[in-house]
Amino acid sequence: MPKSRFTQVSLKDTPFYHCIRRTVRRAFLCGADPYTGQCFEHRRGWIEKRLLHLAQVLSIDIAAYAVMSNHLHLVLKVDAETAEAWSSMKVVKQWHLVFGLSIF
């Protein structure tokens, strides 16, 4: 049975986490799909740019990453000191940077 993130993440034990994200239904994230013949390699650059952008905006450092044809691996380090130093307004501004809203 799946566990909630609250019970899985303990920054007291370690700030590093290995995260995996997979596609579903034989969908391809990157590379050539042998079933349809379509090439999705153009997505790799977008994914890498997005990961690096998120690392700058959030209080998380990317220790390593690998973008595969149908999944990706991330080794992340949570920067708790930076996050705890943020004011409520800073959190809202960072959230808006992630989701592309520019009201500030």
PDB file of N, CA and C in Angstrom:
ATOM      1  N   MET A   1       0.840  -1.173   0.000  1.00  0.00           N
ATOM      2  CA  MET A   1       0.000   0.000   0.000  1.00  0.00           C
ATOM      3  C   MET A   1       0.891   1.245   0.000  1.00  0.00           C
ATOM      4  N   PRO A   2       0.571   2.225  -0.825  1.00  0.00           N
ATOM      5  CA  PRO A   2       1.393   3.439  -0.891  1.00  0.00           C
ATOM      6  C   PRO A   2       1.393   4.208   0.427  1.00  0.00           C
ATOM      7  N   LYS A   3       2.527   4.867   0.693  1.00  0.00           N
ATOM      8  CA  LYS A   3       2.643   5.710   1.879  1.00  0.00           C
ATOM      9  C   LYS A   3       2.615   7.174   1.458  1.00  0.00           C
ATOM     10  N   SER A   4       2.078   8.022   2.306  1.00  0.00           N
ATOM     11  CA  SER A   4       2.051   9.447   1.997  1.00  0.00           C
ATOM     12  C   SER A   4       3.460  10.014   2.093  1.00  0.00           C
ATOM     13  N   ARG A   5       3.713  11.114   1.363  1.00  0.00           N
ATOM     14  CA  ARG A   5       5.035  11.744   1.383  1.00  0.00           C
ATOM     15  C   ARG A   5       5.436  12.175   2.786  1.00  0.00           C
ATOM     16  N   PHE A   6       4.453  12.571   3.567  1.00  0.00           N
ATOM     17  CA  PHE A   6       4.730  13.018   4.932  1.00  0.00           C
ATOM     18  C   PHE A   6       5.457  11.929   5.724  1.00  0.00           C
ATOM     19  N   THR A   7       5.110  10.665   5.501  1.00  0.00           N
ATOM     20  CA  THR A   7       5.754   9.578   6.230  1.00  0.00           C
ATOM     21  C   THR A   7       7.038   9.108   5.552  1.00  0.00           C
ATOM     22  N   GLN A   8       7.268   9.468   4.288  1.00  0.00           N
ATOM     23  CA  GLN A   8       8.449   9.024   3.564  1.00  0.00           C
ATOM     24  C   GLN A   8       9.614   9.996   3.657  1.00  0.00           C
ATOM     25  N   VAL A   9       9.343  11.280   3.755  1.00  0.00           N
ATOM     26  CA  VAL A   9      10.389  12.303   3.735  1.00  0.00           C
ATOM     27  C   VAL A   9      10.733  12.709   5.161  1.00  0.00           C
ATOM     28  N   SER A  10      12.016  12.577   5.494  1.00  0.00           N
ATOM     29  CA  SER A  10      12.508  13.009   6.798  1.00  0.00           C
ATOM     30  C   SER A  10      13.811  13.759   6.571  1.00  0.00           C
ATOM     31  N   LEU A  11      13.741  15.078   6.611  1.00  0.00           N
ATOM     32  CA  LEU A  11      14.932  15.890   6.389  1.00  0.00           C
ATOM     33  C   LEU A  11      15.941  15.738   7.518  1.00  0.00           C
ATOM     34  N   LYS A  12      15.514  15.244   8.666  1.00  0.00           N
ATOM     35  CA  LYS A  12      16.451  14.993   9.758  1.00  0.00           C
ATOM     36  C   LYS A  12      17.367  13.813   9.416  1.00  0.00           C
ATOM     37  N   ASP A  13      16.830  12.846   8.682  1.00  0.00           N
ATOM     38  CA  ASP A  13      17.620  11.674   8.298  1.00  0.00           C
ATOM     39  C   ASP A  13      18.528  11.962   7.111  1.00  0.00           C
ATOM     40  N   THR A  14      17.990  12.590   6.073  1.00  0.00           N
ATOM     41  CA  THR A  14      18.784  12.911   4.883  1.00  0.00           C
ATOM     42  C   THR A  14      18.079  13.991   4.059  1.00  0.00           C
ATOM     43  N   PRO A  15      18.844  14.902   3.461  1.00  0.00           N
ATOM     44  CA  PRO A  15      18.239  15.887   2.566  1.00  0.00           C
ATOM     45  C   PRO A  15      18.184  15.390   1.120  1.00  0.00           C
ATOM     46  N   PHE A  16      18.736  14.200   0.837  1.00  0.00           N
ATOM     47  CA  PHE A  16      18.800  13.670  -0.532  1.00  0.00           C
ATOM     48  C   PHE A  16      17.681  12.666  -0.791  1.00  0.00           C
ATOM     49  N   TYR A  17      17.085  12.770  -1.992  1.00  0.00           N
ATOM     50  CA  TYR A  17      16.005  11.854  -2.364  1.00  0.00           C
ATOM     51  C   TYR A  17      16.119  11.479  -3.829  1.00  0.00           C
ATOM     52  N   HIS A  18      15.906  10.197  -4.098  1.00  0.00           N
ATOM     53  CA  HIS A  18      15.895   9.685  -5.473  1.00  0.00           C
ATOM     54  C   HIS A  18      14.439   9.589  -5.903  1.00  0.00           C
ATOM     55  N   CYS A  19      14.081  10.343  -6.936  1.00  0.00           N
ATOM     56  CA  CYS A  19      12.700  10.384  -7.424  1.00  0.00           C
ATOM     57  C   CYS A  19      12.649   9.809  -8.835  1.00  0.00           C
ATOM     58  N   ILE A  20      11.625   9.054  -9.109  1.00  0.00           N
ATOM     59  CA  ILE A  20      11.438   8.445 -10.427  1.00  0.00           C
ATOM     60  C   ILE A  20      10.044   8.814 -10.925  1.00  0.00           C
ATOM     61  N   ARG A  21       9.960   9.163 -12.195  1.00  0.00           N
ATOM     62  CA  ARG A  21       8.657   9.470 -12.810  1.00  0.00           C
ATOM     63  C   ARG A  21       8.566   8.696 -14.113  1.00  0.00           C
ATOM     64  N   ARG A  22       7.523   7.911 -14.260  1.00  0.00           N
ATOM     65  CA  ARG A  22       7.340   7.082 -15.448  1.00  0.00           C
ATOM     66  C   ARG A  22       6.134   7.540 -16.261  1.00  0.00           C
ATOM     67  N   THR A  23       6.170   7.214 -17.547  1.00  0.00           N
ATOM     68  CA  THR A  23       5.008   7.462 -18.389  1.00  0.00           C
ATOM     69  C   THR A  23       4.063   6.271 -18.272  1.00  0.00           C
ATOM     70  N   VAL A  24       2.889   6.395 -18.851  1.00  0.00           N
ATOM     71  CA  VAL A  24       1.906   5.307 -18.811  1.00  0.00           C
ATOM     72  C   VAL A  24       1.503   4.933 -20.228  1.00  0.00           C
ATOM     73  N   ARG A  25       0.931   3.757 -20.363  1.00  0.00           N
ATOM     74  CA  ARG A  25       0.364   3.267 -21.627  1.00  0.00           C
ATOM     75  C   ARG A  25       1.353   3.310 -22.794  1.00  0.00           C
ATOM     76  N   ARG A  26       2.596   2.903 -22.528  1.00  0.00           N
ATOM     77  CA  ARG A  26       3.638   2.857 -23.559  1.00  0.00           C
ATOM     78  C   ARG A  26       3.951   4.208 -24.179  1.00  0.00           C
ATOM     79  N   ALA A  27       3.596   5.270 -23.523  1.00  0.00           N
ATOM     80  CA  ALA A  27       3.889   6.607 -24.039  1.00  0.00           C
ATOM     81  C   ALA A  27       5.396   6.849 -23.974  1.00  0.00           C
ATOM     82  N   PHE A  28       5.898   7.622 -24.903  1.00  0.00           N
ATOM     83  CA  PHE A  28       7.318   7.923 -24.932  1.00  0.00           C
ATOM     84  C   PHE A  28       7.559   9.340 -24.467  1.00  0.00           C
ATOM     85  N   LEU A  29       8.528   9.481 -23.585  1.00  0.00           N
ATOM     86  CA  LEU A  29       8.930  10.780 -23.090  1.00  0.00           C
ATOM     87  C   LEU A  29       9.928  11.404 -24.057  1.00  0.00           C
ATOM     88  N   CYS A  30      10.912  10.625 -24.453  1.00  0.00           N
ATOM     89  CA  CYS A  30      11.957  11.062 -25.383  1.00  0.00           C
ATOM     90  C   CYS A  30      12.330   9.898 -26.296  1.00  0.00           C
ATOM     91  N   GLY A  31      13.006  10.214 -27.382  1.00  0.00           N
ATOM     92  CA  GLY A  31      13.474   9.175 -28.285  1.00  0.00           C
ATOM     93  C   GLY A  31      12.429   8.777 -29.304  1.00  0.00           C
ATOM     94  N   ALA A  32      12.743   7.741 -30.044  1.00  0.00           N
ATOM     95  CA  ALA A  32      11.860   7.257 -31.117  1.00  0.00           C
ATOM     96  C   ALA A  32      10.949   6.157 -30.588  1.00  0.00           C
ATOM     97  N   ASP A  33       9.677   6.291 -30.865  1.00  0.00           N
ATOM     98  CA  ASP A  33       8.685   5.292 -30.468  1.00  0.00           C
ATOM     99  C   ASP A  33       8.629   4.222 -31.559  1.00  0.00           C
ATOM    100  N   PRO A  34       9.026   2.977 -31.271  1.00  0.00           N
ATOM    101  CA  PRO A  34       9.027   1.941 -32.303  1.00  0.00           C
ATOM    102  C   PRO A  34       7.627   1.530 -32.763  1.00  0.00           C
ATOM    103  N   TYR A  35       6.614   1.793 -31.944  1.00  0.00           N
ATOM    104  CA  TYR A  35       5.247   1.402 -32.297  1.00  0.00           C
ATOM    105  C   TYR A  35       4.607   2.367 -33.294  1.00  0.00           C
ATOM    106  N   THR A  36       4.848   3.669 -33.113  1.00  0.00           N
ATOM    107  CA  THR A  36       4.224   4.659 -33.991  1.00  0.00           C
ATOM    108  C   THR A  36       5.200   5.259 -34.992  1.00  0.00           C
ATOM    109  N   GLY A  37       6.502   5.110 -34.731  1.00  0.00           N
ATOM    110  CA  GLY A  37       7.509   5.701 -35.607  1.00  0.00           C
ATOM    111  C   GLY A  37       7.759   7.172 -35.338  1.00  0.00           C
ATOM    112  N   GLN A  38       7.077   7.756 -34.374  1.00  0.00           N
ATOM    113  CA  GLN A  38       7.259   9.161 -34.046  1.00  0.00           C
ATOM    114  C   GLN A  38       8.516   9.347 -33.191  1.00  0.00           C
ATOM    115  N   CYS A  39       9.147  10.494 -33.367  1.00  0.00           N
ATOM    116  CA  CYS A  39      10.334  10.821 -32.575  1.00  0.00           C
ATOM    117  C   CYS A  39       9.985  11.938 -31.597  1.00  0.00           C
ATOM    118  N   PHE A  40      10.282  11.701 -30.337  1.00  0.00           N
ATOM    119  CA  PHE A  40       9.992  12.664 -29.281  1.00  0.00           C
ATOM    120  C   PHE A  40      11.269  13.213 -28.657  1.00  0.00           C
ATOM    121  N   GLU A  41      12.371  13.149 -29.377  1.00  0.00           N
ATOM    122  CA  GLU A  41      13.656  13.585 -28.849  1.00  0.00           C
ATOM    123  C   GLU A  41      13.669  15.076 -28.523  1.00  0.00           C
ATOM    124  N   HIS A  42      12.824  15.858 -29.202  1.00  0.00           N
ATOM    125  CA  HIS A  42      12.766  17.294 -28.942  1.00  0.00           C
ATOM    126  C   HIS A  42      12.351  17.617 -27.502  1.00  0.00           C
ATOM    127  N   ARG A  43      11.717  16.671 -26.829  1.00  0.00           N
ATOM    128  CA  ARG A  43      11.265  16.903 -25.462  1.00  0.00           C
ATOM    129  C   ARG A  43      12.419  16.888 -24.460  1.00  0.00           C
ATOM    130  N   ARG A  44      13.507  16.195 -24.774  1.00  0.00           N
ATOM    131  CA  ARG A  44      14.612  16.048 -23.829  1.00  0.00           C
ATOM    132  C   ARG A  44      15.165  17.423 -23.413  1.00  0.00           C
ATOM    133  N   GLY A  45      15.403  18.288 -24.381  1.00  0.00           N
ATOM    134  CA  GLY A  45      15.916  19.628 -24.076  1.00  0.00           C
ATOM    135  C   GLY A  45      14.946  20.431 -23.239  1.00  0.00           C
ATOM    136  N   TRP A  46      13.648  20.321 -23.546  1.00  0.00           N
ATOM    137  CA  TRP A  46      12.644  21.047 -22.776  1.00  0.00           C
ATOM    138  C   TRP A  46      12.619  20.552 -21.332  1.00  0.00           C
ATOM    139  N   ILE A  47      12.698  19.249 -21.141  1.00  0.00           N
ATOM    140  CA  ILE A  47      12.668  18.672 -19.795  1.00  0.00           C
ATOM    141  C   ILE A  47      13.884  19.131 -19.001  1.00  0.00           C
ATOM    142  N   GLU A  48      15.050  19.101 -19.614  1.00  0.00           N
ATOM    143  CA  GLU A  48      16.266  19.537 -18.930  1.00  0.00           C
ATOM    144  C   GLU A  48      16.190  21.022 -18.549  1.00  0.00           C
ATOM    145  N   LYS A  49      15.705  21.852 -19.473  1.00  0.00           N
ATOM    146  CA  LYS A  49      15.552  23.281 -19.173  1.00  0.00           C
ATOM    147  C   LYS A  49      14.584  23.498 -18.016  1.00  0.00           C
ATOM    148  N   ARG A  50      13.488  22.766 -18.038  1.00  0.00           N
ATOM    149  CA  ARG A  50      12.477  22.917 -16.991  1.00  0.00           C
ATOM    150  C   ARG A  50      13.033  22.485 -15.630  1.00  0.00           C
ATOM    151  N   LEU A  51      13.765  21.389 -15.591  1.00  0.00           N
ATOM    152  CA  LEU A  51      14.361  20.926 -14.342  1.00  0.00           C
ATOM    153  C   LEU A  51      15.322  21.969 -13.779  1.00  0.00           C
ATOM    154  N   LEU A  52      16.156  22.534 -14.638  1.00  0.00           N
ATOM    155  CA  LEU A  52      17.119  23.539 -14.189  1.00  0.00           C
ATOM    156  C   LEU A  52      16.416  24.818 -13.735  1.00  0.00           C
ATOM    157  N   HIS A  53      15.341  25.181 -14.418  1.00  0.00           N
ATOM    158  CA  HIS A  53      14.556  26.350 -13.999  1.00  0.00           C
ATOM    159  C   HIS A  53      13.947  26.114 -12.620  1.00  0.00           C
ATOM    160  N   LEU A  54      13.349  24.958 -12.426  1.00  0.00           N
ATOM    161  CA  LEU A  54      12.727  24.647 -11.142  1.00  0.00           C
ATOM    162  C   LEU A  54      13.755  24.620 -10.010  1.00  0.00           C
ATOM    163  N   ALA A  55      14.963  24.144 -10.304  1.00  0.00           N
ATOM    164  CA  ALA A  55      16.011  24.118  -9.290  1.00  0.00           C
ATOM    165  C   ALA A  55      16.396  25.533  -8.864  1.00  0.00           C
ATOM    166  N   GLN A  56      16.362  26.488  -9.792  1.00  0.00           N
ATOM    167  CA  GLN A  56      16.682  27.872  -9.455  1.00  0.00           C
ATOM    168  C   GLN A  56      15.576  28.527  -8.641  1.00  0.00           C
ATOM    169  N   VAL A  57      14.335  28.183  -8.939  1.00  0.00           N
ATOM    170  CA  VAL A  57      13.185  28.831  -8.306  1.00  0.00           C
ATOM    171  C   VAL A  57      12.855  28.221  -6.942  1.00  0.00           C
ATOM    172  N   LEU A  58      12.981  26.921  -6.811  1.00  0.00           N
ATOM    173  CA  LEU A  58      12.622  26.232  -5.573  1.00  0.00           C
ATOM    174  C   LEU A  58      13.848  26.037  -4.696  1.00  0.00           C
ATOM    175  N   SER A  59      13.662  25.684  -3.480  1.00  0.00           N
ATOM    176  CA  SER A  59      14.793  25.451  -2.579  1.00  0.00           C
ATOM    177  C   SER A  59      15.224  23.988  -2.637  1.00  0.00           C
ATOM    178  N   ILE A  60      15.425  23.513  -3.862  1.00  0.00           N
ATOM    179  CA  ILE A  60      15.864  22.141  -4.109  1.00  0.00           C
ATOM    180  C   ILE A  60      17.019  22.190  -5.093  1.00  0.00           C
ATOM    181  N   ASP A  61      18.070  21.439  -4.798  1.00  0.00           N
ATOM    182  CA  ASP A  61      19.215  21.331  -5.701  1.00  0.00           C
ATOM    183  C   ASP A  61      19.139  19.993  -6.421  1.00  0.00           C
ATOM    184  N   ILE A  62      19.524  19.982  -7.684  1.00  0.00           N
ATOM    185  CA  ILE A  62      19.556  18.739  -8.455  1.00  0.00           C
ATOM    186  C   ILE A  62      20.974  18.185  -8.373  1.00  0.00           C
ATOM    187  N   ALA A  63      21.127  17.044  -7.711  1.00  0.00           N
ATOM    188  CA  ALA A  63      22.437  16.402  -7.597  1.00  0.00           C
ATOM    189  C   ALA A  63      22.746  15.609  -8.872  1.00  0.00           C
ATOM    190  N   ALA A  64      21.721  14.981  -9.458  1.00  0.00           N
ATOM    191  CA  ALA A  64      21.897  14.216 -10.693  1.00  0.00           C
ATOM    192  C   ALA A  64      20.522  14.001 -11.318  1.00  0.00           C
ATOM    193  N   TYR A  65      20.520  13.812 -12.636  1.00  0.00           N
ATOM    194  CA  TYR A  65      19.274  13.464 -13.309  1.00  0.00           C
ATOM    195  C   TYR A  65      19.576  12.676 -14.577  1.00  0.00           C
ATOM    196  N   ALA A  66      18.605  11.879 -14.986  1.00  0.00           N
ATOM    197  CA  ALA A  66      18.715  11.116 -16.229  1.00  0.00           C
ATOM    198  C   ALA A  66      17.333  11.089 -16.872  1.00  0.00           C
ATOM    199  N   VAL A  67      17.261  11.537 -18.114  1.00  0.00           N
ATOM    200  CA  VAL A  67      16.002  11.537 -18.854  1.00  0.00           C
ATOM    201  C   VAL A  67      16.059  10.367 -19.829  1.00  0.00           C
ATOM    202  N   MET A  68      15.225   9.362 -19.607  1.00  0.00           N
ATOM    203  CA  MET A  68      15.199   8.146 -20.425  1.00  0.00           C
ATOM    204  C   MET A  68      14.013   8.213 -21.388  1.00  0.00           C
ATOM    205  N   SER A  69      13.856   7.182 -22.184  1.00  0.00           N
ATOM    206  CA  SER A  69      12.799   7.199 -23.192  1.00  0.00           C
ATOM    207  C   SER A  69      11.398   7.203 -22.596  1.00  0.00           C
ATOM    208  N   ASN A  70      11.199   6.492 -21.483  1.00  0.00           N
ATOM    209  CA  ASN A  70       9.855   6.449 -20.903  1.00  0.00           C
ATOM    210  C   ASN A  70       9.814   6.797 -19.415  1.00  0.00           C
ATOM    211  N   HIS A  71      10.924   7.294 -18.868  1.00  0.00           N
ATOM    212  CA  HIS A  71      10.937   7.708 -17.465  1.00  0.00           C
ATOM    213  C   HIS A  71      12.122   8.620 -17.204  1.00  0.00           C
ATOM    214  N   LEU A  72      12.120   9.222 -16.013  1.00  0.00           N
ATOM    215  CA  LEU A  72      13.268  10.029 -15.628  1.00  0.00           C
ATOM    216  C   LEU A  72      13.602   9.782 -14.170  1.00  0.00           C
ATOM    217  N   HIS A  73      14.886   9.960 -13.865  1.00  0.00           N
ATOM    218  CA  HIS A  73      15.401   9.811 -12.507  1.00  0.00           C
ATOM    219  C   HIS A  73      15.946  11.150 -12.052  1.00  0.00           C
ATOM    220  N   LEU A  74      15.674  11.500 -10.810  1.00  0.00           N
ATOM    221  CA  LEU A  74      16.207  12.715 -10.210  1.00  0.00           C
ATOM    222  C   LEU A  74      16.796  12.370  -8.847  1.00  0.00           C
ATOM    223  N   VAL A  75      17.968  12.901  -8.566  1.00  0.00           N
ATOM    224  CA  VAL A  75      18.509  12.853  -7.213  1.00  0.00           C
ATOM    225  C   VAL A  75      18.497  14.295  -6.739  1.00  0.00           C
ATOM    226  N   LEU A  76      17.629  14.565  -5.762  1.00  0.00           N
ATOM    227  CA  LEU A  76      17.396  15.928  -5.298  1.00  0.00           C
ATOM    228  C   LEU A  76      17.916  16.115  -3.884  1.00  0.00           C
ATOM    229  N   LYS A  77      18.365  17.324  -3.603  1.00  0.00           N
ATOM    230  CA  LYS A  77      18.776  17.696  -2.249  1.00  0.00           C
ATOM    231  C   LYS A  77      17.885  18.853  -1.811  1.00  0.00           C
ATOM    232  N   VAL A  78      17.164  18.645  -0.746  1.00  0.00           N
ATOM    233  CA  VAL A  78      16.280  19.669  -0.214  1.00  0.00           C
ATOM    234  C   VAL A  78      17.112  20.659   0.588  1.00  0.00           C
ATOM    235  N   ASP A  79      17.017  21.933   0.234  1.00  0.00           N
ATOM    236  CA  ASP A  79      17.731  22.993   0.943  1.00  0.00           C
ATOM    237  C   ASP A  79      16.777  23.599   1.970  1.00  0.00           C
ATOM    238  N   ALA A  80      16.675  22.938   3.098  1.00  0.00           N
ATOM    239  CA  ALA A  80      15.705  23.330   4.126  1.00  0.00           C
ATOM    240  C   ALA A  80      16.024  24.692   4.722  1.00  0.00           C
ATOM    241  N   GLU A  81      17.294  25.026   4.876  1.00  0.00           N
ATOM    242  CA  GLU A  81      17.662  26.319   5.459  1.00  0.00           C
ATOM    243  C   GLU A  81      17.149  27.477   4.612  1.00  0.00           C
ATOM    244  N   THR A  82      17.304  27.362   3.302  1.00  0.00           N
ATOM    245  CA  THR A  82      16.813  28.408   2.403  1.00  0.00           C
ATOM    246  C   THR A  82      15.302  28.516   2.475  1.00  0.00           C
ATOM    247  N   ALA A  83      14.624  27.387   2.428  1.00  0.00           N
ATOM    248  CA  ALA A  83      13.155  27.389   2.465  1.00  0.00           C
ATOM    249  C   ALA A  83      12.621  27.982   3.760  1.00  0.00           C
ATOM    250  N   GLU A  84      13.251  27.655   4.860  1.00  0.00           N
ATOM    251  CA  GLU A  84      12.783  28.178   6.152  1.00  0.00           C
ATOM    252  C   GLU A  84      13.028  29.667   6.298  1.00  0.00           C
ATOM    253  N   ALA A  85      14.006  30.195   5.562  1.00  0.00           N
ATOM    254  CA  ALA A  85      14.305  31.626   5.628  1.00  0.00           C
ATOM    255  C   ALA A  85      13.356  32.467   4.776  1.00  0.00           C
ATOM    256  N   TRP A  86      12.600  31.833   3.888  1.00  0.00           N
ATOM    257  CA  TRP A  86      11.686  32.571   3.020  1.00  0.00           C
ATOM    258  C   TRP A  86      10.493  33.100   3.806  1.00  0.00           C
ATOM    259  N   SER A  87      10.102  34.324   3.478  1.00  0.00           N
ATOM    260  CA  SER A  87       8.873  34.889   4.040  1.00  0.00           C
ATOM    261  C   SER A  87       7.681  34.332   3.258  1.00  0.00           C
ATOM    262  N   SER A  88       6.493  34.576   3.756  1.00  0.00           N
ATOM    263  CA  SER A  88       5.287  34.118   3.056  1.00  0.00           C
ATOM    264  C   SER A  88       5.189  34.753   1.668  1.00  0.00           C
ATOM    265  N   MET A  89       5.563  36.024   1.563  1.00  0.00           N
ATOM    266  CA  MET A  89       5.515  36.711   0.271  1.00  0.00           C
ATOM    267  C   MET A  89       6.518  36.095  -0.708  1.00  0.00           C
ATOM    268  N   LYS A  90       7.692  35.716  -0.229  1.00  0.00           N
ATOM    269  CA  LYS A  90       8.703  35.081  -1.075  1.00  0.00           C
ATOM    270  C   LYS A  90       8.186  33.740  -1.585  1.00  0.00           C
ATOM    271  N   VAL A  91       7.515  32.983  -0.760  1.00  0.00           N
ATOM    272  CA  VAL A  91       6.944  31.693  -1.172  1.00  0.00           C
ATOM    273  C   VAL A  91       5.924  31.910  -2.282  1.00  0.00           C
ATOM    274  N   VAL A  92       5.077  32.906  -2.123  1.00  0.00           N
ATOM    275  CA  VAL A  92       4.064  33.207  -3.143  1.00  0.00           C
ATOM    276  C   VAL A  92       4.734  33.617  -4.459  1.00  0.00           C
ATOM    277  N   LYS A  93       5.771  34.449  -4.373  1.00  0.00           N
ATOM    278  CA  LYS A  93       6.483  34.882  -5.583  1.00  0.00           C
ATOM    279  C   LYS A  93       7.139  33.702  -6.286  1.00  0.00           C
ATOM    280  N   GLN A  94       7.748  32.810  -5.532  1.00  0.00           N
ATOM    281  CA  GLN A  94       8.387  31.640  -6.129  1.00  0.00           C
ATOM    282  C   GLN A  94       7.338  30.738  -6.783  1.00  0.00           C
ATOM    283  N   TRP A  95       6.197  30.586  -6.141  1.00  0.00           N
ATOM    284  CA  TRP A  95       5.113  29.780  -6.699  1.00  0.00           C
ATOM    285  C   TRP A  95       4.663  30.355  -8.045  1.00  0.00           C
ATOM    286  N   HIS A  96       4.569  31.673  -8.111  1.00  0.00           N
ATOM    287  CA  HIS A  96       4.173  32.326  -9.354  1.00  0.00           C
ATOM    288  C   HIS A  96       5.232  32.146 -10.432  1.00  0.00           C
ATOM    289  N   LEU A  97       6.498  32.106 -10.065  1.00  0.00           N
ATOM    290  CA  LEU A  97       7.555  31.848 -11.044  1.00  0.00           C
ATOM    291  C   LEU A  97       7.457  30.435 -11.624  1.00  0.00           C
ATOM    292  N   VAL A  98       7.063  29.492 -10.802  1.00  0.00           N
ATOM    293  CA  VAL A  98       6.924  28.109 -11.269  1.00  0.00           C
ATOM    294  C   VAL A  98       5.772  27.985 -12.254  1.00  0.00           C
ATOM    295  N   PHE A  99       4.659  28.631 -11.954  1.00  0.00           N
ATOM    296  CA  PHE A  99       3.450  28.444 -12.758  1.00  0.00           C
ATOM    297  C   PHE A  99       3.230  29.565 -13.784  1.00  0.00           C
ATOM    298  N   GLY A 100       4.218  30.421 -13.974  1.00  0.00           N
ATOM    299  CA  GLY A 100       4.172  31.384 -15.057  1.00  0.00           C
ATOM    300  C   GLY A 100       3.259  32.578 -14.862  1.00  0.00           C
ATOM    301  N   LEU A 101       2.860  32.860 -13.665  1.00  0.00           N
ATOM    302  CA  LEU A 101       2.012  34.010 -13.406  1.00  0.00           C
ATOM    303  C   LEU A 101       2.883  35.184 -13.037  1.00  0.00           C
ATOM    304  N   SER A 102       2.640  36.316 -13.655  1.00  0.00           N
ATOM    305  CA  SER A 102       3.480  37.484 -13.371  1.00  0.00           C
ATOM    306  C   SER A 102       2.616  38.642 -12.886  1.00  0.00           C
ATOM    307  N   ILE A 103       2.249  38.578 -11.618  1.00  0.00           N
ATOM    308  CA  ILE A 103       1.432  39.658 -11.060  1.00  0.00           C
ATOM    309  C   ILE A 103       2.261  40.596 -10.212  1.00  0.00           C
ATOM    310  N   PHE A 104       3.573  40.323 -10.090  1.00  0.00           N
ATOM    311  CA  PHE A 104       4.429  41.153  -9.250  1.00  0.00           C
ATOM    312  C   PHE A 104       5.299  42.026 -10.117  1.00  0.00           C
TER     313      PHE A 104
END
